[in-house]
Amino acid sequence: MDSVKLNFLVKLQSEYISYMNKIKALPSEAIIRNIDEIAATKDVYVFLNQPGNLDGGECQYLLSLDEPLRLIRDQWLFNDKDISESMGCAIDSICHQEDEDEFEP
């Protein structure tokens, strides 16, 4: 792994830990109100940590941002308001299986 990618992942982890610590300090009602944001933050964090999801140029640019995790999460939530396409893909995947035992989420 090159140093740019490694530096980005370190920054990403730091931002994620800081975010989760803030969430843990909230009252349970606030956590429940923000559950979509919390889940999206985790999803983005996991995605960005998977090999091959970012190239070197993307890592370099994202590394220059103050809060890349928050920015990507917010953009993703903004663009993904309509879940019908992703939900449709999930339903199609399940409905078009030859054997239901093949499905493993």
PDB file of N, CA and C in Angstrom:
ATOM      1  N   MET A   1       0.845  -1.176   0.000  1.00  0.00           N
ATOM      2  CA  MET A   1       0.000   0.000   0.000  1.00  0.00           C
ATOM      3  C   MET A   1       0.893   1.243   0.000  1.00  0.00           C
ATOM      4  N   ASP A   2       0.563   2.179  -0.869  1.00  0.00           N
ATOM      5  CA  ASP A   2       1.410   3.372  -0.935  1.00  0.00           C
ATOM      6  C   ASP A   2       1.115   4.322   0.223  1.00  0.00           C
ATOM      7  N   SER A   3       2.017   5.271   0.413  1.00  0.00           N
ATOM      8  CA  SER A   3       1.922   6.155   1.580  1.00  0.00           C
ATOM      9  C   SER A   3       0.703   7.070   1.526  1.00  0.00           C
ATOM     10  N   VAL A   4       0.271   7.486   0.346  1.00  0.00           N
ATOM     11  CA  VAL A   4      -0.902   8.354   0.227  1.00  0.00           C
ATOM     12  C   VAL A   4      -2.144   7.603   0.713  1.00  0.00           C
ATOM     13  N   LYS A   5      -2.301   6.379   0.238  1.00  0.00           N
ATOM     14  CA  LYS A   5      -3.454   5.566   0.655  1.00  0.00           C
ATOM     15  C   LYS A   5      -3.404   5.307   2.161  1.00  0.00           C
ATOM     16  N   LEU A   6      -2.232   4.967   2.660  1.00  0.00           N
ATOM     17  CA  LEU A   6      -2.079   4.711   4.088  1.00  0.00           C
ATOM     18  C   LEU A   6      -2.407   5.961   4.905  1.00  0.00           C
ATOM     19  N   ASN A   7      -1.893   7.105   4.494  1.00  0.00           N
ATOM     20  CA  ASN A   7      -2.180   8.362   5.196  1.00  0.00           C
ATOM     21  C   ASN A   7      -3.670   8.687   5.168  1.00  0.00           C
ATOM     22  N   PHE A   8      -4.310   8.423   4.026  1.00  0.00           N
ATOM     23  CA  PHE A   8      -5.747   8.663   3.929  1.00  0.00           C
ATOM     24  C   PHE A   8      -6.510   7.748   4.889  1.00  0.00           C
ATOM     25  N   LEU A   9      -6.143   6.478   4.932  1.00  0.00           N
ATOM     26  CA  LEU A   9      -6.830   5.535   5.810  1.00  0.00           C
ATOM     27  C   LEU A   9      -6.643   5.890   7.288  1.00  0.00           C
ATOM     28  N   VAL A  10      -5.475   6.392   7.634  1.00  0.00           N
ATOM     29  CA  VAL A  10      -5.232   6.841   9.016  1.00  0.00           C
ATOM     30  C   VAL A  10      -6.129   8.036   9.338  1.00  0.00           C
ATOM     31  N   LYS A  11      -6.212   8.981   8.409  1.00  0.00           N
ATOM     32  CA  LYS A  11      -7.071  10.146   8.607  1.00  0.00           C
ATOM     33  C   LYS A  11      -8.532   9.726   8.699  1.00  0.00           C
ATOM     34  N   LEU A  12      -8.941   8.825   7.844  1.00  0.00           N
ATOM     35  CA  LEU A  12     -10.310   8.328   7.824  1.00  0.00           C
ATOM     36  C   LEU A  12     -10.659   7.655   9.155  1.00  0.00           C
ATOM     37  N   GLN A  13      -9.758   6.822   9.638  1.00  0.00           N
ATOM     38  CA  GLN A  13      -9.982   6.133  10.912  1.00  0.00           C
ATOM     39  C   GLN A  13     -10.098   7.132  12.060  1.00  0.00           C
ATOM     40  N   SER A  14      -9.249   8.133  12.050  1.00  0.00           N
ATOM     41  CA  SER A  14      -9.279   9.154  13.097  1.00  0.00           C
ATOM     42  C   SER A  14     -10.622   9.890  13.087  1.00  0.00           C
ATOM     43  N   GLU A  15     -11.091  10.252  11.894  1.00  0.00           N
ATOM     44  CA  GLU A  15     -12.370  10.946  11.786  1.00  0.00           C
ATOM     45  C   GLU A  15     -13.518  10.036  12.246  1.00  0.00           C
ATOM     46  N   TYR A  16     -13.463   8.771  11.875  1.00  0.00           N
ATOM     47  CA  TYR A  16     -14.514   7.819  12.252  1.00  0.00           C
ATOM     48  C   TYR A  16     -14.556   7.630  13.772  1.00  0.00           C
ATOM     49  N   ILE A  17     -13.414   7.456  14.384  1.00  0.00           N
ATOM     50  CA  ILE A  17     -13.354   7.272  15.843  1.00  0.00           C
ATOM     51  C   ILE A  17     -13.877   8.517  16.552  1.00  0.00           C
ATOM     52  N   SER A  18     -13.496   9.677  16.077  1.00  0.00           N
ATOM     53  CA  SER A  18     -13.968  10.926  16.664  1.00  0.00           C
ATOM     54  C   SER A  18     -15.487  11.045  16.540  1.00  0.00           C
ATOM     55  N   TYR A  19     -16.008  10.716  15.362  1.00  0.00           N
ATOM     56  CA  TYR A  19     -17.456  10.755  15.145  1.00  0.00           C
ATOM     57  C   TYR A  19     -18.180   9.795  16.090  1.00  0.00           C
ATOM     58  N   MET A  20     -17.694   8.572  16.176  1.00  0.00           N
ATOM     59  CA  MET A  20     -18.346   7.574  17.024  1.00  0.00           C
ATOM     60  C   MET A  20     -18.282   7.970  18.504  1.00  0.00           C
ATOM     61  N   ASN A  21     -17.194   8.590  18.929  1.00  0.00           N
ATOM     62  CA  ASN A  21     -17.107   9.064  20.311  1.00  0.00           C
ATOM     63  C   ASN A  21     -18.147  10.152  20.593  1.00  0.00           C
ATOM     64  N   LYS A  22     -18.382  11.030  19.610  1.00  0.00           N
ATOM     65  CA  LYS A  22     -19.419  12.060  19.771  1.00  0.00           C
ATOM     66  C   LYS A  22     -20.797  11.419  19.857  1.00  0.00           C
ATOM     67  N   ILE A  23     -21.023  10.408  19.036  1.00  0.00           N
ATOM     68  CA  ILE A  23     -22.312   9.717  19.047  1.00  0.00           C
ATOM     69  C   ILE A  23     -22.536   9.033  20.390  1.00  0.00           C
ATOM     70  N   LYS A  24     -21.525   8.390  20.915  1.00  0.00           N
ATOM     71  CA  LYS A  24     -21.646   7.676  22.189  1.00  0.00           C
ATOM     72  C   LYS A  24     -22.001   8.621  23.338  1.00  0.00           C
ATOM     73  N   ALA A  25     -21.654   9.883  23.200  1.00  0.00           N
ATOM     74  CA  ALA A  25     -21.930  10.858  24.256  1.00  0.00           C
ATOM     75  C   ALA A  25     -23.352  11.420  24.174  1.00  0.00           C
ATOM     76  N   LEU A  26     -24.079  11.116  23.108  1.00  0.00           N
ATOM     77  CA  LEU A  26     -25.429  11.638  22.938  1.00  0.00           C
ATOM     78  C   LEU A  26     -26.432  10.832  23.753  1.00  0.00           C
ATOM     79  N   PRO A  27     -27.527  11.474  24.141  1.00  0.00           N
ATOM     80  CA  PRO A  27     -28.603  10.712  24.786  1.00  0.00           C
ATOM     81  C   PRO A  27     -29.229   9.750  23.768  1.00  0.00           C
ATOM     82  N   SER A  28     -29.837   8.703  24.263  1.00  0.00           N
ATOM     83  CA  SER A  28     -30.368   7.664  23.370  1.00  0.00           C
ATOM     84  C   SER A  28     -31.388   8.213  22.375  1.00  0.00           C
ATOM     85  N   GLU A  29     -32.177   9.202  22.763  1.00  0.00           N
ATOM     86  CA  GLU A  29     -33.167   9.787  21.842  1.00  0.00           C
ATOM     87  C   GLU A  29     -32.479  10.428  20.641  1.00  0.00           C
ATOM     88  N   ALA A  30     -31.365  11.090  20.874  1.00  0.00           N
ATOM     89  CA  ALA A  30     -30.625  11.733  19.786  1.00  0.00           C
ATOM     90  C   ALA A  30     -29.989  10.686  18.875  1.00  0.00           C
ATOM     91  N   ILE A  31     -29.521   9.616  19.461  1.00  0.00           N
ATOM     92  CA  ILE A  31     -28.946   8.532  18.650  1.00  0.00           C
ATOM     93  C   ILE A  31     -30.016   7.948  17.738  1.00  0.00           C
ATOM     94  N   ILE A  32     -31.190   7.719  18.277  1.00  0.00           N
ATOM     95  CA  ILE A  32     -32.284   7.167  17.472  1.00  0.00           C
ATOM     96  C   ILE A  32     -32.668   8.127  16.348  1.00  0.00           C
ATOM     97  N   ARG A  33     -32.729   9.410  16.633  1.00  0.00           N
ATOM     98  CA  ARG A  33     -33.058  10.409  15.603  1.00  0.00           C
ATOM     99  C   ARG A  33     -32.018  10.425  14.488  1.00  0.00           C
ATOM    100  N   ASN A  34     -30.775  10.106  14.806  1.00  0.00           N
ATOM    101  CA  ASN A  34     -29.684  10.187  13.845  1.00  0.00           C
ATOM    102  C   ASN A  34     -29.241   8.828  13.301  1.00  0.00           C
ATOM    103  N   ILE A  35     -30.066   7.816  13.453  1.00  0.00           N
ATOM    104  CA  ILE A  35     -29.648   6.463  13.096  1.00  0.00           C
ATOM    105  C   ILE A  35     -29.283   6.332  11.618  1.00  0.00           C
ATOM    106  N   ASP A  36     -29.986   7.035  10.727  1.00  0.00           N
ATOM    107  CA  ASP A  36     -29.657   6.961   9.300  1.00  0.00           C
ATOM    108  C   ASP A  36     -28.253   7.516   9.041  1.00  0.00           C
ATOM    109  N   GLU A  37     -27.945   8.631   9.665  1.00  0.00           N
ATOM    110  CA  GLU A  37     -26.621   9.228   9.505  1.00  0.00           C
ATOM    111  C   GLU A  37     -25.543   8.320  10.081  1.00  0.00           C
ATOM    112  N   ILE A  38     -25.807   7.733  11.221  1.00  0.00           N
ATOM    113  CA  ILE A  38     -24.837   6.846  11.868  1.00  0.00           C
ATOM    114  C   ILE A  38     -24.569   5.630  10.986  1.00  0.00           C
ATOM    115  N   ALA A  39     -25.634   5.022  10.488  1.00  0.00           N
ATOM    116  CA  ALA A  39     -25.484   3.847   9.621  1.00  0.00           C
ATOM    117  C   ALA A  39     -24.749   4.208   8.330  1.00  0.00           C
ATOM    118  N   ALA A  40     -25.076   5.351   7.755  1.00  0.00           N
ATOM    119  CA  ALA A  40     -24.409   5.781   6.526  1.00  0.00           C
ATOM    120  C   ALA A  40     -22.925   6.049   6.771  1.00  0.00           C
ATOM    121  N   THR A  41     -22.607   6.626   7.910  1.00  0.00           N
ATOM    122  CA  THR A  41     -21.206   6.880   8.248  1.00  0.00           C
ATOM    123  C   THR A  41     -20.433   5.571   8.308  1.00  0.00           C
ATOM    124  N   LYS A  42     -21.008   4.586   8.959  1.00  0.00           N
ATOM    125  CA  LYS A  42     -20.346   3.278   9.038  1.00  0.00           C
ATOM    126  C   LYS A  42     -20.212   2.650   7.658  1.00  0.00           C
ATOM    127  N   ASP A  43     -21.272   2.705   6.853  1.00  0.00           N
ATOM    128  CA  ASP A  43     -21.226   2.127   5.511  1.00  0.00           C
ATOM    129  C   ASP A  43     -20.133   2.768   4.657  1.00  0.00           C
ATOM    130  N   VAL A  44     -20.037   4.089   4.704  1.00  0.00           N
ATOM    131  CA  VAL A  44     -19.008   4.792   3.930  1.00  0.00           C
ATOM    132  C   VAL A  44     -17.624   4.423   4.446  1.00  0.00           C
ATOM    133  N   TYR A  45     -17.468   4.387   5.753  1.00  0.00           N
ATOM    134  CA  TYR A  45     -16.177   4.031   6.351  1.00  0.00           C
ATOM    135  C   TYR A  45     -15.735   2.633   5.902  1.00  0.00           C
ATOM    136  N   VAL A  46     -16.639   1.680   5.972  1.00  0.00           N
ATOM    137  CA  VAL A  46     -16.318   0.311   5.558  1.00  0.00           C
ATOM    138  C   VAL A  46     -15.983   0.265   4.075  1.00  0.00           C
ATOM    139  N   PHE A  47     -16.777   0.942   3.255  1.00  0.00           N
ATOM    140  CA  PHE A  47     -16.537   0.966   1.807  1.00  0.00           C
ATOM    141  C   PHE A  47     -15.160   1.535   1.482  1.00  0.00           C
ATOM    142  N   LEU A  48     -14.825   2.651   2.101  1.00  0.00           N
ATOM    143  CA  LEU A  48     -13.550   3.310   1.794  1.00  0.00           C
ATOM    144  C   LEU A  48     -12.351   2.493   2.269  1.00  0.00           C
ATOM    145  N   ASN A  49     -12.554   1.610   3.216  1.00  0.00           N
ATOM    146  CA  ASN A  49     -11.470   0.770   3.713  1.00  0.00           C
ATOM    147  C   ASN A  49     -11.256  -0.499   2.892  1.00  0.00           C
ATOM    148  N   GLN A  50     -12.156  -0.787   1.983  1.00  0.00           N
ATOM    149  CA  GLN A  50     -12.009  -1.985   1.162  1.00  0.00           C
ATOM    150  C   GLN A  50     -11.027  -1.727   0.028  1.00  0.00           C
ATOM    151  N   PRO A  51     -10.126  -2.668  -0.213  1.00  0.00           N
ATOM    152  CA  PRO A  51      -9.134  -2.500  -1.278  1.00  0.00           C
ATOM    153  C   PRO A  51      -9.796  -2.318  -2.640  1.00  0.00           C
ATOM    154  N   GLY A  52      -9.253  -1.397  -3.403  1.00  0.00           N
ATOM    155  CA  GLY A  52      -9.698  -1.193  -4.769  1.00  0.00           C
ATOM    156  C   GLY A  52     -10.831  -0.214  -4.959  1.00  0.00           C
ATOM    157  N   ASN A  53     -11.406   0.317  -3.894  1.00  0.00           N
ATOM    158  CA  ASN A  53     -12.522   1.244  -4.047  1.00  0.00           C
ATOM    159  C   ASN A  53     -12.084   2.682  -4.308  1.00  0.00           C
ATOM    160  N   LEU A  54     -10.832   2.989  -4.057  1.00  0.00           N
ATOM    161  CA  LEU A  54     -10.293   4.326  -4.334  1.00  0.00           C
ATOM    162  C   LEU A  54      -8.960   4.193  -5.056  1.00  0.00           C
ATOM    163  N   ASP A  55      -8.747   5.079  -6.017  1.00  0.00           N
ATOM    164  CA  ASP A  55      -7.433   5.081  -6.660  1.00  0.00           C
ATOM    165  C   ASP A  55      -6.543   6.124  -5.973  1.00  0.00           C
ATOM    166  N   GLY A  56      -5.293   6.161  -6.373  1.00  0.00           N
ATOM    167  CA  GLY A  56      -4.321   7.060  -5.732  1.00  0.00           C
ATOM    168  C   GLY A  56      -4.695   8.521  -5.822  1.00  0.00           C
ATOM    169  N   GLY A  57      -5.219   8.945  -6.970  1.00  0.00           N
ATOM    170  CA  GLY A  57      -5.622  10.341  -7.137  1.00  0.00           C
ATOM    171  C   GLY A  57      -6.779  10.717  -6.233  1.00  0.00           C
ATOM    172  N   GLU A  58      -7.724   9.808  -6.088  1.00  0.00           N
ATOM    173  CA  GLU A  58      -8.850  10.058  -5.191  1.00  0.00           C
ATOM    174  C   GLU A  58      -8.377  10.149  -3.751  1.00  0.00           C
ATOM    175  N   CYS A  59      -7.492   9.248  -3.367  1.00  0.00           N
ATOM    176  CA  CYS A  59      -6.945   9.284  -2.005  1.00  0.00           C
ATOM    177  C   CYS A  59      -6.211  10.597  -1.756  1.00  0.00           C
ATOM    178  N   GLN A  60      -5.428  11.031  -2.732  1.00  0.00           N
ATOM    179  CA  GLN A  60      -4.672  12.276  -2.599  1.00  0.00           C
ATOM    180  C   GLN A  60      -5.612  13.452  -2.394  1.00  0.00           C
ATOM    181  N   TYR A  61      -6.665  13.526  -3.203  1.00  0.00           N
ATOM    182  CA  TYR A  61      -7.607  14.637  -3.076  1.00  0.00           C
ATOM    183  C   TYR A  61      -8.342  14.568  -1.744  1.00  0.00           C
ATOM    184  N   LEU A  62      -8.861  13.392  -1.409  1.00  0.00           N
ATOM    185  CA  LEU A  62      -9.613  13.246  -0.164  1.00  0.00           C
ATOM    186  C   LEU A  62      -8.752  13.519   1.061  1.00  0.00           C
ATOM    187  N   LEU A  63      -7.496  13.201   0.976  1.00  0.00           N
ATOM    188  CA  LEU A  63      -6.568  13.472   2.063  1.00  0.00           C
ATOM    189  C   LEU A  63      -6.432  14.976   2.318  1.00  0.00           C
ATOM    190  N   SER A  64      -6.635  15.781   1.285  1.00  0.00           N
ATOM    191  CA  SER A  64      -6.503  17.234   1.428  1.00  0.00           C
ATOM    192  C   SER A  64      -7.716  17.873   2.112  1.00  0.00           C
ATOM    193  N   LEU A  65      -8.803  17.128   2.249  1.00  0.00           N
ATOM    194  CA  LEU A  65     -10.016  17.662   2.857  1.00  0.00           C
ATOM    195  C   LEU A  65      -9.974  17.519   4.377  1.00  0.00           C
ATOM    196  N   ASP A  66     -10.665  18.424   5.063  1.00  0.00           N
ATOM    197  CA  ASP A  66     -10.693  18.369   6.529  1.00  0.00           C
ATOM    198  C   ASP A  66     -11.482  17.175   7.054  1.00  0.00           C
ATOM    199  N   GLU A  67     -12.634  16.915   6.471  1.00  0.00           N
ATOM    200  CA  GLU A  67     -13.499  15.833   6.941  1.00  0.00           C
ATOM    201  C   GLU A  67     -14.018  15.008   5.761  1.00  0.00           C
ATOM    202  N   PRO A  68     -13.158  14.219   5.156  1.00  0.00           N
ATOM    203  CA  PRO A  68     -13.589  13.476   3.966  1.00  0.00           C
ATOM    204  C   PRO A  68     -14.718  12.483   4.249  1.00  0.00           C
ATOM    205  N   LEU A  69     -14.714  11.851   5.392  1.00  0.00           N
ATOM    206  CA  LEU A  69     -15.763  10.891   5.724  1.00  0.00           C
ATOM    207  C   LEU A  69     -17.125  11.576   5.775  1.00  0.00           C
ATOM    208  N   ARG A  70     -17.195  12.693   6.463  1.00  0.00           N
ATOM    209  CA  ARG A  70     -18.451  13.435   6.572  1.00  0.00           C
ATOM    210  C   ARG A  70     -18.914  13.923   5.207  1.00  0.00           C
ATOM    211  N   LEU A  71     -17.995  14.448   4.411  1.00  0.00           N
ATOM    212  CA  LEU A  71     -18.365  14.978   3.099  1.00  0.00           C
ATOM    213  C   LEU A  71     -18.888  13.883   2.175  1.00  0.00           C
ATOM    214  N   ILE A  72     -18.235  12.738   2.163  1.00  0.00           N
ATOM    215  CA  ILE A  72     -18.685  11.634   1.317  1.00  0.00           C
ATOM    216  C   ILE A  72     -20.031  11.118   1.815  1.00  0.00           C
ATOM    217  N   ARG A  73     -20.155  10.948   3.120  1.00  0.00           N
ATOM    218  CA  ARG A  73     -21.429  10.495   3.693  1.00  0.00           C
ATOM    219  C   ARG A  73     -22.564  11.438   3.341  1.00  0.00           C
ATOM    220  N   ASP A  74     -22.353  12.740   3.520  1.00  0.00           N
ATOM    221  CA  ASP A  74     -23.404  13.716   3.238  1.00  0.00           C
ATOM    222  C   ASP A  74     -23.777  13.717   1.759  1.00  0.00           C
ATOM    223  N   GLN A  75     -22.785  13.616   0.898  1.00  0.00           N
ATOM    224  CA  GLN A  75     -23.054  13.587  -0.545  1.00  0.00           C
ATOM    225  C   GLN A  75     -23.811  12.318  -0.915  1.00  0.00           C
ATOM    226  N   TRP A  76     -23.417  11.203  -0.325  1.00  0.00           N
ATOM    227  CA  TRP A  76     -24.080   9.930  -0.595  1.00  0.00           C
ATOM    228  C   TRP A  76     -25.533   9.977  -0.127  1.00  0.00           C
ATOM    229  N   LEU A  77     -25.771  10.492   1.071  1.00  0.00           N
ATOM    230  CA  LEU A  77     -27.139  10.611   1.570  1.00  0.00           C
ATOM    231  C   LEU A  77     -27.969  11.553   0.705  1.00  0.00           C
ATOM    232  N   PHE A  78     -27.361  12.632   0.232  1.00  0.00           N
ATOM    233  CA  PHE A  78     -28.058  13.590  -0.624  1.00  0.00           C
ATOM    234  C   PHE A  78     -28.439  12.948  -1.952  1.00  0.00           C
ATOM    235  N   ASN A  79     -27.518  12.196  -2.535  1.00  0.00           N
ATOM    236  CA  ASN A  79     -27.751  11.584  -3.848  1.00  0.00           C
ATOM    237  C   ASN A  79     -28.609  10.330  -3.769  1.00  0.00           C
ATOM    238  N   ASP A  80     -28.695   9.693  -2.625  1.00  0.00           N
ATOM    239  CA  ASP A  80     -29.374   8.410  -2.503  1.00  0.00           C
ATOM    240  C   ASP A  80     -30.699   8.532  -1.752  1.00  0.00           C
ATOM    241  N   LYS A  81     -31.393   9.657  -1.955  1.00  0.00           N
ATOM    242  CA  LYS A  81     -32.667   9.841  -1.276  1.00  0.00           C
ATOM    243  C   LYS A  81     -33.704   8.824  -1.729  1.00  0.00           C
ATOM    244  N   ASP A  82     -33.633   8.428  -2.990  1.00  0.00           N
ATOM    245  CA  ASP A  82     -34.585   7.463  -3.520  1.00  0.00           C
ATOM    246  C   ASP A  82     -33.941   6.089  -3.499  1.00  0.00           C
ATOM    247  N   ILE A  83     -34.411   5.237  -2.607  1.00  0.00           N
ATOM    248  CA  ILE A  83     -33.796   3.917  -2.476  1.00  0.00           C
ATOM    249  C   ILE A  83     -34.403   2.894  -3.423  1.00  0.00           C
ATOM    250  N   SER A  84     -35.325   3.334  -4.272  1.00  0.00           N
ATOM    251  CA  SER A  84     -36.037   2.369  -5.112  1.00  0.00           C
ATOM    252  C   SER A  84     -35.097   1.584  -6.016  1.00  0.00           C
ATOM    253  N   GLU A  85     -34.069   2.229  -6.563  1.00  0.00           N
ATOM    254  CA  GLU A  85     -33.145   1.511  -7.446  1.00  0.00           C
ATOM    255  C   GLU A  85     -32.345   0.461  -6.681  1.00  0.00           C
ATOM    256  N   SER A  86     -31.742   0.855  -5.549  1.00  0.00           N
ATOM    257  CA  SER A  86     -30.952  -0.108  -4.793  1.00  0.00           C
ATOM    258  C   SER A  86     -31.838  -1.185  -4.170  1.00  0.00           C
ATOM    259  N   MET A  87     -33.037  -0.816  -3.742  1.00  0.00           N
ATOM    260  CA  MET A  87     -33.956  -1.802  -3.194  1.00  0.00           C
ATOM    261  C   MET A  87     -34.421  -2.746  -4.299  1.00  0.00           C
ATOM    262  N   GLY A  88     -34.663  -2.201  -5.471  1.00  0.00           N
ATOM    263  CA  GLY A  88     -35.061  -3.028  -6.610  1.00  0.00           C
ATOM    264  C   GLY A  88     -33.990  -4.050  -6.961  1.00  0.00           C
ATOM    265  N   CYS A  89     -32.731  -3.631  -6.910  1.00  0.00           N
ATOM    266  CA  CYS A  89     -31.614  -4.554  -7.176  1.00  0.00           C
ATOM    267  C   CYS A  89     -31.578  -5.670  -6.135  1.00  0.00           C
ATOM    268  N   ALA A  90     -31.792  -5.320  -4.881  1.00  0.00           N
ATOM    269  CA  ALA A  90     -31.778  -6.332  -3.821  1.00  0.00           C
ATOM    270  C   ALA A  90     -32.919  -7.330  -4.011  1.00  0.00           C
ATOM    271  N   ILE A  91     -34.096  -6.825  -4.329  1.00  0.00           N
ATOM    272  CA  ILE A  91     -35.252  -7.700  -4.528  1.00  0.00           C
ATOM    273  C   ILE A  91     -35.043  -8.593  -5.749  1.00  0.00           C
ATOM    274  N   ASP A  92     -34.549  -8.009  -6.851  1.00  0.00           N
ATOM    275  CA  ASP A  92     -34.266  -8.801  -8.052  1.00  0.00           C
ATOM    276  C   ASP A  92     -33.269  -9.907  -7.759  1.00  0.00           C
ATOM    277  N   SER A  93     -32.244  -9.575  -7.014  1.00  0.00           N
ATOM    278  CA  SER A  93     -31.216 -10.554  -6.684  1.00  0.00           C
ATOM    279  C   SER A  93     -31.810 -11.730  -5.921  1.00  0.00           C
ATOM    280  N   ILE A  94     -32.686 -11.441  -4.981  1.00  0.00           N
ATOM    281  CA  ILE A  94     -33.305 -12.496  -4.185  1.00  0.00           C
ATOM    282  C   ILE A  94     -34.305 -13.292  -5.014  1.00  0.00           C
ATOM    283  N   CYS A  95     -35.107 -12.609  -5.806  1.00  0.00           N
ATOM    284  CA  CYS A  95     -36.177 -13.268  -6.552  1.00  0.00           C
ATOM    285  C   CYS A  95     -35.681 -14.086  -7.739  1.00  0.00           C
ATOM    286  N   HIS A  96     -34.500 -13.792  -8.231  1.00  0.00           N
ATOM    287  CA  HIS A  96     -33.995 -14.493  -9.414  1.00  0.00           C
ATOM    288  C   HIS A  96     -32.956 -15.547  -9.085  1.00  0.00           C
ATOM    289  N   GLN A  97     -32.932 -15.991  -7.854  1.00  0.00           N
ATOM    290  CA  GLN A  97     -32.021 -17.057  -7.464  1.00  0.00           C
ATOM    291  C   GLN A  97     -32.618 -18.397  -7.844  1.00  0.00           C
ATOM    292  N   GLU A  98     -31.759 -19.295  -8.236  1.00  0.00           N
ATOM    293  CA  GLU A  98     -32.218 -20.637  -8.555  1.00  0.00           C
ATOM    294  C   GLU A  98     -32.536 -21.405  -7.271  1.00  0.00           C
ATOM    295  N   ASP A  99     -31.755 -21.156  -6.245  1.00  0.00           N
ATOM    296  CA  ASP A  99     -31.922 -21.877  -4.989  1.00  0.00           C
ATOM    297  C   ASP A  99     -31.787 -20.870  -3.857  1.00  0.00           C
ATOM    298  N   GLU A 100     -32.814 -20.736  -3.033  1.00  0.00           N
ATOM    299  CA  GLU A 100     -32.776 -19.730  -1.975  1.00  0.00           C
ATOM    300  C   GLU A 100     -31.658 -19.963  -0.971  1.00  0.00           C
ATOM    301  N   ASP A 101     -31.122 -21.175  -0.903  1.00  0.00           N
ATOM    302  CA  ASP A 101     -30.015 -21.436   0.008  1.00  0.00           C
ATOM    303  C   ASP A 101     -28.722 -20.802  -0.467  1.00  0.00           C
ATOM    304  N   GLU A 102     -28.677 -20.359  -1.730  1.00  0.00           N
ATOM    305  CA  GLU A 102     -27.474 -19.709  -2.266  1.00  0.00           C
ATOM    306  C   GLU A 102     -27.279 -18.311  -1.721  1.00  0.00           C
ATOM    307  N   PHE A 103     -28.352 -17.682  -1.274  1.00  0.00           N
ATOM    308  CA  PHE A 103     -28.277 -16.298  -0.832  1.00  0.00           C
ATOM    309  C   PHE A 103     -27.623 -16.198   0.528  1.00  0.00           C
ATOM    310  N   GLU A 104     -26.558 -15.430   0.570  1.00  0.00           N
ATOM    311  CA  GLU A 104     -25.880 -15.133   1.835  1.00  0.00           C
ATOM    312  C   GLU A 104     -25.549 -13.667   1.845  1.00  0.00           C
ATOM    313  N   PRO A 105     -26.254 -12.869   2.651  1.00  0.00           N
ATOM    314  CA  PRO A 105     -25.990 -11.417   2.703  1.00  0.00           C
ATOM    315  C   PRO A 105     -24.600 -11.111   3.196  1.00  0.00           C
TER     316      PRO A 105
END
